[in-house]
Amino acid sequence: MKPIFVISRHGDMADLKIRHPFPFLTMSPMGAGNSFGVPWWLQVVGDERSTSILDCGASAALARIALLAGIGWVVCKASPRQLTALYSDEPHRGRILTARPQATPWPR
Protein backbone atom coordinates (compact mmCIF):
# COMPACT_ATOMS: atom_id res chain seq x y z
CA MET A 1 0.00 0.00 0.00
CA LYS A 2 1.21 3.47 -0.85
CA PRO A 3 1.60 6.10 1.86
CA ILE A 4 -1.19 8.69 2.06
CA PHE A 5 -0.24 12.29 2.79
CA VAL A 6 -2.77 14.98 3.71
CA ILE A 7 -2.23 18.18 1.74
CA SER A 8 -4.15 21.43 1.31
CA ARG A 9 -2.20 23.48 -1.23
CA HIS A 10 -0.31 22.96 -4.46
CA GLY A 11 3.00 23.79 -2.73
CA ASP A 12 2.49 20.76 -0.49
CA MET A 13 2.32 18.56 -3.60
CA ALA A 14 5.54 20.05 -4.96
CA ASP A 15 7.29 19.52 -1.60
CA LEU A 16 6.16 15.90 -1.41
CA LYS A 17 7.43 15.15 -4.91
CA ILE A 18 10.88 16.33 -3.79
CA ARG A 19 10.89 14.74 -0.31
CA HIS A 20 9.20 11.46 -1.22
CA PRO A 21 10.41 10.16 -4.59
CA PHE A 22 8.39 6.94 -4.33
CA PRO A 23 4.73 6.60 -5.35
CA PHE A 24 2.24 8.03 -2.86
CA LEU A 25 -1.39 9.12 -2.58
CA THR A 26 -2.60 12.54 -1.48
CA MET A 27 -5.74 13.21 0.54
CA SER A 28 -7.57 16.42 1.29
CA PRO A 29 -8.24 17.54 4.84
CA MET A 30 -11.46 16.23 6.40
CA GLY A 31 -14.52 17.60 4.57
CA ALA A 32 -12.42 19.99 2.48
CA GLY A 33 -14.11 19.01 -0.77
CA ASN A 34 -17.46 20.10 0.64
CA SER A 35 -15.94 23.42 1.73
CA PHE A 36 -13.71 24.28 -1.23
CA GLY A 37 -15.02 22.17 -4.11
CA VAL A 38 -13.64 19.98 -6.86
CA PRO A 39 -11.92 22.80 -8.85
CA TRP A 40 -9.88 23.71 -5.76
CA TRP A 41 -8.73 20.11 -5.31
CA LEU A 42 -7.82 19.80 -8.98
CA GLN A 43 -5.61 22.88 -8.59
CA VAL A 44 -3.99 21.43 -5.46
CA VAL A 45 -3.13 18.03 -6.98
CA GLY A 46 -2.52 19.11 -10.59
CA ASP A 47 -1.71 16.17 -12.86
CA GLU A 48 -1.88 13.76 -9.90
CA ARG A 49 -5.70 13.76 -9.66
CA SER A 50 -5.93 10.01 -10.27
CA THR A 51 -3.73 9.28 -7.25
CA SER A 52 -5.66 11.53 -4.88
CA ILE A 53 -8.50 11.24 -2.40
CA LEU A 54 -11.02 14.05 -1.92
CA ASP A 55 -13.02 14.06 1.31
CA CYS A 56 -16.53 15.12 0.25
CA GLY A 57 -18.11 14.97 3.69
CA ALA A 58 -21.77 13.94 3.42
CA SER A 59 -22.25 15.11 -0.18
CA ALA A 60 -22.90 12.24 -2.58
CA ALA A 61 -23.41 14.74 -5.40
CA LEU A 62 -19.97 16.26 -4.85
CA ALA A 63 -18.44 12.79 -4.65
CA ARG A 64 -19.93 11.90 -8.04
CA ILE A 65 -18.67 15.14 -9.59
CA ALA A 66 -15.20 14.43 -8.19
CA LEU A 67 -15.15 10.90 -9.60
CA LEU A 68 -16.30 12.15 -13.00
CA ALA A 69 -13.47 14.72 -12.90
CA GLY A 70 -10.93 11.89 -12.62
CA ILE A 71 -10.14 12.10 -8.93
CA GLY A 72 -8.95 8.66 -7.82
CA TRP A 73 -11.09 8.11 -4.72
CA VAL A 74 -13.61 10.01 -2.65
CA VAL A 75 -14.54 9.81 1.00
CA CYS A 76 -18.29 10.16 1.31
CA LYS A 77 -20.32 9.85 4.52
CA ALA A 78 -23.74 10.28 2.93
CA SER A 79 -26.97 8.58 3.97
CA PRO A 80 -27.44 4.91 3.05
CA ARG A 81 -29.86 5.82 0.24
CA GLN A 82 -27.48 8.37 -1.23
CA LEU A 83 -24.60 5.89 -1.04
CA THR A 84 -26.75 3.28 -2.79
CA ALA A 85 -27.34 5.75 -5.61
CA LEU A 86 -23.63 6.59 -5.74
CA TYR A 87 -22.67 2.90 -5.85
CA SER A 88 -25.06 2.36 -8.77
CA ASP A 89 -22.46 3.93 -11.07
CA GLU A 90 -20.46 0.74 -11.58
CA PRO A 91 -17.17 2.23 -12.92
CA HIS A 92 -16.83 4.29 -9.73
CA ARG A 93 -18.02 1.72 -7.21
CA GLY A 94 -14.54 0.70 -5.99
CA ARG A 95 -13.45 4.32 -5.65
CA ILE A 96 -15.92 5.32 -2.94
CA LEU A 97 -14.69 5.21 0.66
CA THR A 98 -17.06 5.64 3.60
CA ALA A 99 -14.25 6.33 6.08
CA ARG A 100 -10.98 8.20 5.81
CA PRO A 101 -7.92 5.99 5.38
CA GLN A 102 -5.05 6.32 7.85
CA ALA A 103 -2.76 9.18 6.87
CA THR A 104 1.01 8.83 6.81
CA PRO A 105 3.17 11.41 8.67
CA TRP A 106 5.00 13.74 6.30
CA PRO A 107 8.59 12.79 5.41
CA ARG A 108 11.20 14.91 7.14
C-alpha atoms as a PDB file:
ATOM      1  CA  MET A   1       0.000   0.000   0.000  1.00  0.00           C
ATOM      2  CA  LYS A   2       1.208   3.469  -0.855  1.00  0.00           C
ATOM      3  CA  PRO A   3       1.601   6.097   1.865  1.00  0.00           C
ATOM      4  CA  ILE A   4      -1.190   8.687   2.062  1.00  0.00           C
ATOM      5  CA  PHE A   5      -0.238  12.285   2.790  1.00  0.00           C
ATOM      6  CA  VAL A   6      -2.772  14.983   3.710  1.00  0.00           C
ATOM      7  CA  ILE A   7      -2.230  18.184   1.742  1.00  0.00           C
ATOM      8  CA  SER A   8      -4.149  21.430   1.309  1.00  0.00           C
ATOM      9  CA  ARG A   9      -2.197  23.479  -1.230  1.00  0.00           C
ATOM     10  CA  HIS A  10      -0.306  22.963  -4.462  1.00  0.00           C
ATOM     11  CA  GLY A  11       2.999  23.791  -2.726  1.00  0.00           C
ATOM     12  CA  ASP A  12       2.493  20.760  -0.488  1.00  0.00           C
ATOM     13  CA  MET A  13       2.322  18.558  -3.595  1.00  0.00           C
ATOM     14  CA  ALA A  14       5.539  20.047  -4.959  1.00  0.00           C
ATOM     15  CA  ASP A  15       7.288  19.522  -1.596  1.00  0.00           C
ATOM     16  CA  LEU A  16       6.161  15.901  -1.415  1.00  0.00           C
ATOM     17  CA  LYS A  17       7.433  15.150  -4.912  1.00  0.00           C
ATOM     18  CA  ILE A  18      10.876  16.331  -3.794  1.00  0.00           C
ATOM     19  CA  ARG A  19      10.889  14.740  -0.312  1.00  0.00           C
ATOM     20  CA  HIS A  20       9.200  11.461  -1.217  1.00  0.00           C
ATOM     21  CA  PRO A  21      10.409  10.163  -4.592  1.00  0.00           C
ATOM     22  CA  PHE A  22       8.393   6.941  -4.326  1.00  0.00           C
ATOM     23  CA  PRO A  23       4.725   6.603  -5.351  1.00  0.00           C
ATOM     24  CA  PHE A  24       2.235   8.033  -2.861  1.00  0.00           C
ATOM     25  CA  LEU A  25      -1.387   9.123  -2.583  1.00  0.00           C
ATOM     26  CA  THR A  26      -2.599  12.539  -1.476  1.00  0.00           C
ATOM     27  CA  MET A  27      -5.736  13.206   0.541  1.00  0.00           C
ATOM     28  CA  SER A  28      -7.574  16.417   1.286  1.00  0.00           C
ATOM     29  CA  PRO A  29      -8.240  17.544   4.843  1.00  0.00           C
ATOM     30  CA  MET A  30     -11.461  16.230   6.399  1.00  0.00           C
ATOM     31  CA  GLY A  31     -14.521  17.601   4.575  1.00  0.00           C
ATOM     32  CA  ALA A  32     -12.420  19.994   2.475  1.00  0.00           C
ATOM     33  CA  GLY A  33     -14.114  19.010  -0.769  1.00  0.00           C
ATOM     34  CA  ASN A  34     -17.456  20.102   0.641  1.00  0.00           C
ATOM     35  CA  SER A  35     -15.940  23.420   1.728  1.00  0.00           C
ATOM     36  CA  PHE A  36     -13.712  24.284  -1.226  1.00  0.00           C
ATOM     37  CA  GLY A  37     -15.025  22.173  -4.113  1.00  0.00           C
ATOM     38  CA  VAL A  38     -13.644  19.985  -6.860  1.00  0.00           C
ATOM     39  CA  PRO A  39     -11.917  22.800  -8.848  1.00  0.00           C
ATOM     40  CA  TRP A  40      -9.879  23.712  -5.761  1.00  0.00           C
ATOM     41  CA  TRP A  41      -8.732  20.106  -5.308  1.00  0.00           C
ATOM     42  CA  LEU A  42      -7.822  19.798  -8.980  1.00  0.00           C
ATOM     43  CA  GLN A  43      -5.608  22.876  -8.595  1.00  0.00           C
ATOM     44  CA  VAL A  44      -3.994  21.427  -5.462  1.00  0.00           C
ATOM     45  CA  VAL A  45      -3.132  18.030  -6.978  1.00  0.00           C
ATOM     46  CA  GLY A  46      -2.525  19.110 -10.592  1.00  0.00           C
ATOM     47  CA  ASP A  47      -1.714  16.168 -12.858  1.00  0.00           C
ATOM     48  CA  GLU A  48      -1.878  13.758  -9.904  1.00  0.00           C
ATOM     49  CA  ARG A  49      -5.699  13.761  -9.655  1.00  0.00           C
ATOM     50  CA  SER A  50      -5.927  10.010 -10.272  1.00  0.00           C
ATOM     51  CA  THR A  51      -3.733   9.281  -7.245  1.00  0.00           C
ATOM     52  CA  SER A  52      -5.655  11.531  -4.883  1.00  0.00           C
ATOM     53  CA  ILE A  53      -8.498  11.236  -2.396  1.00  0.00           C
ATOM     54  CA  LEU A  54     -11.020  14.046  -1.915  1.00  0.00           C
ATOM     55  CA  ASP A  55     -13.019  14.064   1.311  1.00  0.00           C
ATOM     56  CA  CYS A  56     -16.525  15.119   0.249  1.00  0.00           C
ATOM     57  CA  GLY A  57     -18.115  14.972   3.687  1.00  0.00           C
ATOM     58  CA  ALA A  58     -21.769  13.943   3.417  1.00  0.00           C
ATOM     59  CA  SER A  59     -22.247  15.107  -0.183  1.00  0.00           C
ATOM     60  CA  ALA A  60     -22.899  12.239  -2.577  1.00  0.00           C
ATOM     61  CA  ALA A  61     -23.413  14.744  -5.403  1.00  0.00           C
ATOM     62  CA  LEU A  62     -19.969  16.265  -4.852  1.00  0.00           C
ATOM     63  CA  ALA A  63     -18.444  12.789  -4.647  1.00  0.00           C
ATOM     64  CA  ARG A  64     -19.930  11.899  -8.040  1.00  0.00           C
ATOM     65  CA  ILE A  65     -18.670  15.141  -9.589  1.00  0.00           C
ATOM     66  CA  ALA A  66     -15.196  14.433  -8.192  1.00  0.00           C
ATOM     67  CA  LEU A  67     -15.147  10.903  -9.597  1.00  0.00           C
ATOM     68  CA  LEU A  68     -16.300  12.147 -13.001  1.00  0.00           C
ATOM     69  CA  ALA A  69     -13.472  14.721 -12.901  1.00  0.00           C
ATOM     70  CA  GLY A  70     -10.933  11.886 -12.623  1.00  0.00           C
ATOM     71  CA  ILE A  71     -10.142  12.095  -8.931  1.00  0.00           C
ATOM     72  CA  GLY A  72      -8.951   8.657  -7.824  1.00  0.00           C
ATOM     73  CA  TRP A  73     -11.092   8.111  -4.724  1.00  0.00           C
ATOM     74  CA  VAL A  74     -13.606  10.014  -2.651  1.00  0.00           C
ATOM     75  CA  VAL A  75     -14.535   9.806   1.004  1.00  0.00           C
ATOM     76  CA  CYS A  76     -18.294  10.158   1.311  1.00  0.00           C
ATOM     77  CA  LYS A  77     -20.322   9.845   4.519  1.00  0.00           C
ATOM     78  CA  ALA A  78     -23.738  10.278   2.925  1.00  0.00           C
ATOM     79  CA  SER A  79     -26.970   8.579   3.974  1.00  0.00           C
ATOM     80  CA  PRO A  80     -27.435   4.908   3.049  1.00  0.00           C
ATOM     81  CA  ARG A  81     -29.857   5.824   0.241  1.00  0.00           C
ATOM     82  CA  GLN A  82     -27.479   8.366  -1.232  1.00  0.00           C
ATOM     83  CA  LEU A  83     -24.605   5.894  -1.040  1.00  0.00           C
ATOM     84  CA  THR A  84     -26.747   3.279  -2.792  1.00  0.00           C
ATOM     85  CA  ALA A  85     -27.344   5.751  -5.611  1.00  0.00           C
ATOM     86  CA  LEU A  86     -23.633   6.592  -5.742  1.00  0.00           C
ATOM     87  CA  TYR A  87     -22.672   2.900  -5.847  1.00  0.00           C
ATOM     88  CA  SER A  88     -25.059   2.364  -8.772  1.00  0.00           C
ATOM     89  CA  ASP A  89     -22.463   3.932 -11.068  1.00  0.00           C
ATOM     90  CA  GLU A  90     -20.458   0.740 -11.583  1.00  0.00           C
ATOM     91  CA  PRO A  91     -17.171   2.233 -12.919  1.00  0.00           C
ATOM     92  CA  HIS A  92     -16.828   4.295  -9.730  1.00  0.00           C
ATOM     93  CA  ARG A  93     -18.024   1.721  -7.207  1.00  0.00           C
ATOM     94  CA  GLY A  94     -14.541   0.702  -5.990  1.00  0.00           C
ATOM     95  CA  ARG A  95     -13.450   4.316  -5.647  1.00  0.00           C
ATOM     96  CA  ILE A  96     -15.923   5.323  -2.940  1.00  0.00           C
ATOM     97  CA  LEU A  97     -14.691   5.214   0.659  1.00  0.00           C
ATOM     98  CA  THR A  98     -17.062   5.639   3.595  1.00  0.00           C
ATOM     99  CA  ALA A  99     -14.248   6.331   6.077  1.00  0.00           C
ATOM    100  CA  ARG A 100     -10.977   8.202   5.807  1.00  0.00           C
ATOM    101  CA  PRO A 101      -7.916   5.990   5.383  1.00  0.00           C
ATOM    102  CA  GLN A 102      -5.053   6.319   7.850  1.00  0.00           C
ATOM    103  CA  ALA A 103      -2.765   9.184   6.875  1.00  0.00           C
ATOM    104  CA  THR A 104       1.011   8.833   6.811  1.00  0.00           C
ATOM    105  CA  PRO A 105       3.174  11.414   8.668  1.00  0.00           C
ATOM    106  CA  TRP A 106       5.001  13.739   6.300  1.00  0.00           C
ATOM    107  CA  PRO A 107       8.594  12.788   5.410  1.00  0.00           C
ATOM    108  CA  ARG A 108      11.201  14.912   7.137  1.00  0.00           C
END
